[in-house]
Amino acid sequence: MFKFSRGAIEGAGQILSDTLAFDPDLSEGYSWFAFLKSVEIGQGFSDNPEADREQISSLILKALELDPYNDTALAIAGHLEAFIHHDFESALDYFDRALKINLYCAYAWGFSAITHCYMGKAEEALEMLSKSRKMMPFDPHPYYFDTARCIAYMLGGWHEEAAKVGLRVLRNNPNFYASYRPLISSLGHLGRQEEVEPILEKLKGVQPEFSVEWHLANYPPLDEETAEEYVKGLRLAGVSEE
């Protein structure tokens, strides 16, 4: 699923379906299925996002009913509370529970970092990402949490670092559309128009609905000041209002 192409997401969904049909008591399987559905929403692959949000809630509930002490399942639940429901307080509670069970849960640190990005807490997010990397130094799909690192740098105003990380993520996996937005914003702040134009054109090719209005409607809410800086970079990069 971390290849993020439509075909890869469909293939991963089939594997998870088959796995859960074989072992319907596999807690973590339901959690990763819920995560997969959130990726479909984020990538714009979902035909019915509202129905998928309801399914995500059901899958997480099933996972935690089967095993309330599964640290990875709790970490995924926290991420989805933040990303899908924008309930940061519940998300932080899930991360706290996961880390009490296993202080070395890389996903708990990494997903918590993403939630802290949504909360506009860039420095805390970067600290958590460092801990996640220590717990999982050989992550086979580093561009997922590297995208979170790009977002944190961008939110903190470290646009050169954000651009450096974002461009590397884009080279390694151009299919992950979430990585485009913070990179575009940082390049906008830096005035690197020649670099940002082909990136924006590519994103618009796969997500033609992308605009400032779309971003504000779909991205988890940040505090007003941080959100305004994010949007300012998008506008400077040439992103349309609607």
Protein backbone atom coordinates (compact mmCIF):
# COMPACT_ATOMS: atom_id res chain seq x y z
CA MET A 1 0.00 0.00 0.00
CA PHE A 2 2.94 2.35 0.60
CA LYS A 3 3.60 2.48 -3.14
CA PHE A 4 0.44 4.68 -3.20
CA SER A 5 -0.51 4.02 -6.81
CA ARG A 6 -4.12 3.10 -7.50
CA GLY A 7 -3.15 -0.40 -8.59
CA ALA A 8 -1.01 -0.97 -5.50
CA ILE A 9 -3.80 0.23 -3.21
CA GLU A 10 -6.29 -2.11 -4.90
CA GLY A 11 -3.85 -5.00 -4.61
CA ALA A 12 -3.21 -4.32 -0.94
CA GLY A 13 -6.95 -4.16 -0.32
CA GLN A 14 -7.41 -7.59 -1.88
CA ILE A 15 -4.58 -9.05 0.20
CA LEU A 16 -6.07 -7.64 3.40
CA SER A 17 -9.54 -8.90 2.48
CA ASP A 18 -8.18 -12.38 1.81
CA THR A 19 -6.15 -12.33 5.03
CA LEU A 20 -9.13 -11.35 7.17
CA ALA A 21 -11.32 -13.96 5.47
CA PHE A 22 -8.71 -16.55 6.46
CA ASP A 23 -8.19 -15.15 9.99
CA PRO A 24 -11.16 -12.97 11.06
CA ASP A 25 -9.63 -12.47 14.53
CA LEU A 26 -6.50 -10.69 13.29
CA SER A 27 -6.72 -7.33 15.08
CA GLU A 28 -3.93 -5.60 13.22
CA GLY A 29 -5.39 -6.63 9.87
CA TYR A 30 -8.50 -4.54 10.52
CA SER A 31 -6.31 -1.61 11.57
CA TRP A 32 -4.26 -1.67 8.39
CA PHE A 33 -7.45 -2.05 6.35
CA ALA A 34 -8.74 1.13 8.01
CA PHE A 35 -5.45 2.86 7.22
CA LEU A 36 -5.73 1.71 3.61
CA LYS A 37 -9.21 3.27 3.34
CA SER A 38 -7.80 6.55 4.67
CA VAL A 39 -5.11 6.44 1.97
CA GLU A 40 -7.82 6.04 -0.66
CA ILE A 41 -9.49 9.18 0.69
CA GLY A 42 -6.23 11.14 0.86
CA GLN A 43 -5.16 10.08 -2.63
CA GLY A 44 -8.55 10.95 -4.11
CA PHE A 45 -9.26 7.31 -5.07
CA SER A 46 -12.41 6.97 -2.96
CA ASP A 47 -15.74 6.97 -4.79
CA ASN A 48 -17.63 7.60 -1.55
CA PRO A 49 -15.45 9.26 1.14
CA GLU A 50 -18.30 9.54 3.63
CA ALA A 51 -19.04 5.81 3.45
CA ASP A 52 -15.33 5.08 3.73
CA ARG A 53 -15.08 7.23 6.86
CA GLU A 54 -17.86 5.19 8.44
CA GLN A 55 -16.12 1.97 7.44
CA ILE A 56 -12.86 3.23 8.93
CA SER A 57 -14.56 3.81 12.27
CA SER A 58 -16.07 0.30 12.19
CA LEU A 59 -12.74 -1.32 11.29
CA ILE A 60 -10.89 0.47 14.10
CA LEU A 61 -13.59 -0.50 16.58
CA LYS A 62 -13.31 -4.14 15.47
CA ALA A 63 -9.52 -4.10 15.75
CA LEU A 64 -9.51 -2.74 19.29
CA GLU A 65 -12.33 -5.04 20.40
CA LEU A 66 -10.19 -7.99 19.32
CA ASP A 67 -7.00 -6.71 20.93
CA PRO A 68 -7.17 -3.50 23.02
CA TYR A 69 -3.46 -3.83 23.86
CA ASN A 70 -2.07 -3.95 20.34
CA ASP A 71 0.31 -0.98 20.19
CA THR A 72 0.29 -0.72 16.38
CA ALA A 73 -3.52 -0.88 16.24
CA LEU A 74 -3.71 1.89 18.85
CA ALA A 75 -1.19 4.00 16.90
CA ILE A 76 -3.22 3.63 13.69
CA ALA A 77 -6.41 4.46 15.61
CA GLY A 78 -4.78 7.65 16.85
CA HIS A 79 -3.69 8.67 13.37
CA LEU A 80 -7.17 8.12 11.97
CA GLU A 81 -8.83 10.04 14.79
CA ALA A 82 -6.66 13.01 13.78
CA PHE A 83 -6.79 12.64 9.99
CA ILE A 84 -10.38 11.52 9.51
CA HIS A 85 -12.21 13.05 12.48
CA HIS A 86 -9.85 15.93 13.40
CA ASP A 87 -10.17 14.85 17.05
CA PHE A 88 -6.66 15.56 18.28
CA GLU A 89 -7.42 14.96 21.95
CA SER A 90 -8.61 11.39 21.27
CA ALA A 91 -5.66 10.85 18.92
CA LEU A 92 -3.16 11.82 21.61
CA ASP A 93 -4.88 9.50 24.07
CA TYR A 94 -4.45 6.58 21.65
CA PHE A 95 -0.76 7.39 21.14
CA ASP A 96 -0.26 7.61 24.91
CA ARG A 97 -1.86 4.18 25.36
CA ALA A 98 0.26 2.70 22.56
CA LEU A 99 3.50 4.03 24.04
CA LYS A 100 2.62 2.85 27.53
CA ILE A 101 2.32 -0.65 26.07
CA ASN A 102 5.44 -0.33 23.92
CA LEU A 103 7.70 2.69 24.22
CA TYR A 104 9.54 1.50 21.11
CA CYS A 105 6.50 1.50 18.81
CA ALA A 106 7.83 3.37 15.76
CA TYR A 107 4.36 3.88 14.32
CA ALA A 108 3.12 5.51 17.53
CA TRP A 109 5.95 8.05 17.39
CA GLY A 110 5.58 8.61 13.65
CA PHE A 111 1.79 8.95 13.57
CA SER A 112 1.90 11.15 16.67
CA ALA A 113 4.33 13.41 14.78
CA ILE A 114 1.78 13.77 11.98
CA THR A 115 -0.92 14.72 14.49
CA HIS A 116 1.42 17.30 16.00
CA CYS A 117 1.88 18.72 12.50
CA TYR A 118 -1.91 19.06 12.24
CA MET A 119 -1.79 20.88 15.59
CA GLY A 120 0.88 23.26 14.28
CA LYS A 121 3.56 21.96 16.66
CA ALA A 122 6.49 21.62 14.28
CA GLU A 123 9.36 21.22 16.75
CA GLU A 124 7.56 18.51 18.72
CA ALA A 125 6.75 16.71 15.46
CA LEU A 126 10.40 16.70 14.40
CA GLU A 127 11.48 15.29 17.77
CA MET A 128 8.94 12.47 17.44
CA LEU A 129 10.03 11.71 13.88
CA SER A 130 13.61 11.36 15.12
CA LYS A 131 12.43 8.85 17.72
CA SER A 132 10.44 6.96 15.11
CA ARG A 133 13.48 6.70 12.86
CA LYS A 134 15.59 5.37 15.73
CA MET A 135 12.98 2.67 16.37
CA MET A 136 12.70 1.83 12.65
CA PRO A 137 16.06 2.75 11.03
CA PHE A 138 15.47 0.48 8.04
CA ASP A 139 11.96 1.62 7.16
CA PRO A 140 11.39 0.26 3.63
CA HIS A 141 9.04 3.15 2.85
CA PRO A 142 10.73 6.20 4.40
CA TYR A 143 8.95 8.70 2.16
CA TYR A 144 5.75 8.40 4.21
CA PHE A 145 7.25 9.78 7.41
CA ASP A 146 9.68 11.93 5.40
CA THR A 147 6.57 13.69 4.08
CA ALA A 148 5.65 14.41 7.70
CA ARG A 149 9.18 15.77 8.15
CA CYS A 150 8.67 18.03 5.12
CA ILE A 151 5.39 19.29 6.59
CA ALA A 152 7.01 19.97 9.97
CA TYR A 153 9.89 21.91 8.42
CA MET A 154 7.45 23.90 6.30
CA LEU A 155 5.20 24.71 9.27
CA GLY A 156 8.21 25.78 11.30
CA GLY A 157 9.33 28.18 8.58
CA TRP A 158 12.40 26.14 7.64
CA HIS A 159 11.55 26.20 3.97
CA GLU A 160 14.98 25.29 2.62
CA GLU A 161 14.96 22.08 4.69
CA ALA A 162 11.36 21.39 3.73
CA ALA A 163 12.18 21.76 0.03
CA LYS A 164 15.22 19.52 0.34
CA VAL A 165 13.23 16.74 2.02
CA GLY A 166 10.18 17.23 -0.20
CA LEU A 167 12.13 17.02 -3.44
CA ARG A 168 13.80 13.82 -2.25
CA VAL A 169 10.42 12.30 -1.39
CA LEU A 170 9.10 13.27 -4.81
CA ARG A 171 12.05 11.59 -6.55
CA ASN A 172 11.61 8.40 -4.51
CA ASN A 173 7.83 8.14 -4.82
CA PRO A 174 5.95 10.59 -7.06
CA ASN A 175 2.70 8.67 -6.39
CA PHE A 176 2.22 10.02 -2.85
CA TYR A 177 0.23 13.19 -3.46
CA ALA A 178 0.35 14.36 0.18
CA SER A 179 4.04 15.14 -0.30
CA TYR A 180 3.34 17.68 -3.05
CA ARG A 181 1.43 20.23 -0.97
CA PRO A 182 4.01 21.17 1.70
CA LEU A 183 6.72 21.13 -0.97
CA ILE A 184 4.70 23.49 -3.18
CA SER A 185 4.09 25.82 -0.22
CA SER A 186 7.77 25.93 0.75
CA LEU A 187 8.92 26.52 -2.81
CA GLY A 188 6.35 29.31 -2.99
CA HIS A 189 7.77 30.92 0.14
CA LEU A 190 11.27 30.59 -1.32
CA GLY A 191 10.24 32.16 -4.64
CA ARG A 192 11.54 29.16 -6.60
CA GLN A 193 8.92 29.50 -9.30
CA GLU A 194 10.72 27.58 -12.04
CA GLU A 195 10.91 24.52 -9.77
CA VAL A 196 7.38 24.71 -8.44
CA GLU A 197 5.53 25.09 -11.75
CA PRO A 198 6.12 21.53 -13.11
CA ILE A 199 5.37 20.07 -9.66
CA LEU A 200 2.08 21.96 -9.43
CA GLU A 201 1.23 20.99 -13.00
CA LYS A 202 1.85 17.31 -12.19
CA LEU A 203 -0.34 17.46 -9.08
CA LYS A 204 -3.13 19.18 -10.97
CA GLY A 205 -2.88 16.43 -13.58
CA VAL A 206 -3.80 13.77 -11.03
CA GLN A 207 -5.84 15.94 -8.64
CA PRO A 208 -7.45 18.61 -10.86
CA GLU A 209 -9.64 19.74 -7.97
CA PHE A 210 -6.60 20.87 -5.95
CA SER A 211 -6.87 24.54 -4.97
CA VAL A 212 -6.56 26.72 -1.88
CA GLU A 213 -10.26 26.13 -1.21
CA TRP A 214 -9.83 22.35 -1.60
CA HIS A 215 -6.84 22.36 0.74
CA LEU A 216 -8.70 24.26 3.46
CA ALA A 217 -11.73 21.96 3.13
CA ASN A 218 -9.77 18.69 3.21
CA TYR A 219 -6.70 19.25 5.36
CA PRO A 220 -7.04 18.75 9.12
CA PRO A 221 -7.43 22.16 10.78
CA LEU A 222 -4.32 23.94 11.95
CA ASP A 223 -4.30 26.98 14.20
CA GLU A 224 -5.18 30.10 12.24
CA GLU A 225 -1.68 31.58 12.07
CA THR A 226 -0.03 28.35 10.91
CA ALA A 227 -2.77 27.63 8.39
CA GLU A 228 -2.38 31.10 6.94
CA GLU A 229 1.37 30.61 6.42
CA TYR A 230 0.71 27.29 4.70
CA VAL A 231 -1.87 28.86 2.40
CA LYS A 232 0.32 31.90 1.77
CA GLY A 233 3.00 29.61 0.34
CA LEU A 234 0.44 27.89 -1.88
CA ARG A 235 -0.73 31.23 -3.22
CA LEU A 236 2.82 32.42 -3.83
CA ALA A 237 3.40 29.20 -5.77
CA GLY A 238 0.45 29.99 -8.05
CA VAL A 239 -2.19 27.64 -6.63
CA SER A 240 -5.64 28.83 -7.67
CA GLU A 241 -8.18 29.93 -5.07
CA GLU A 242 -10.89 27.49 -6.20
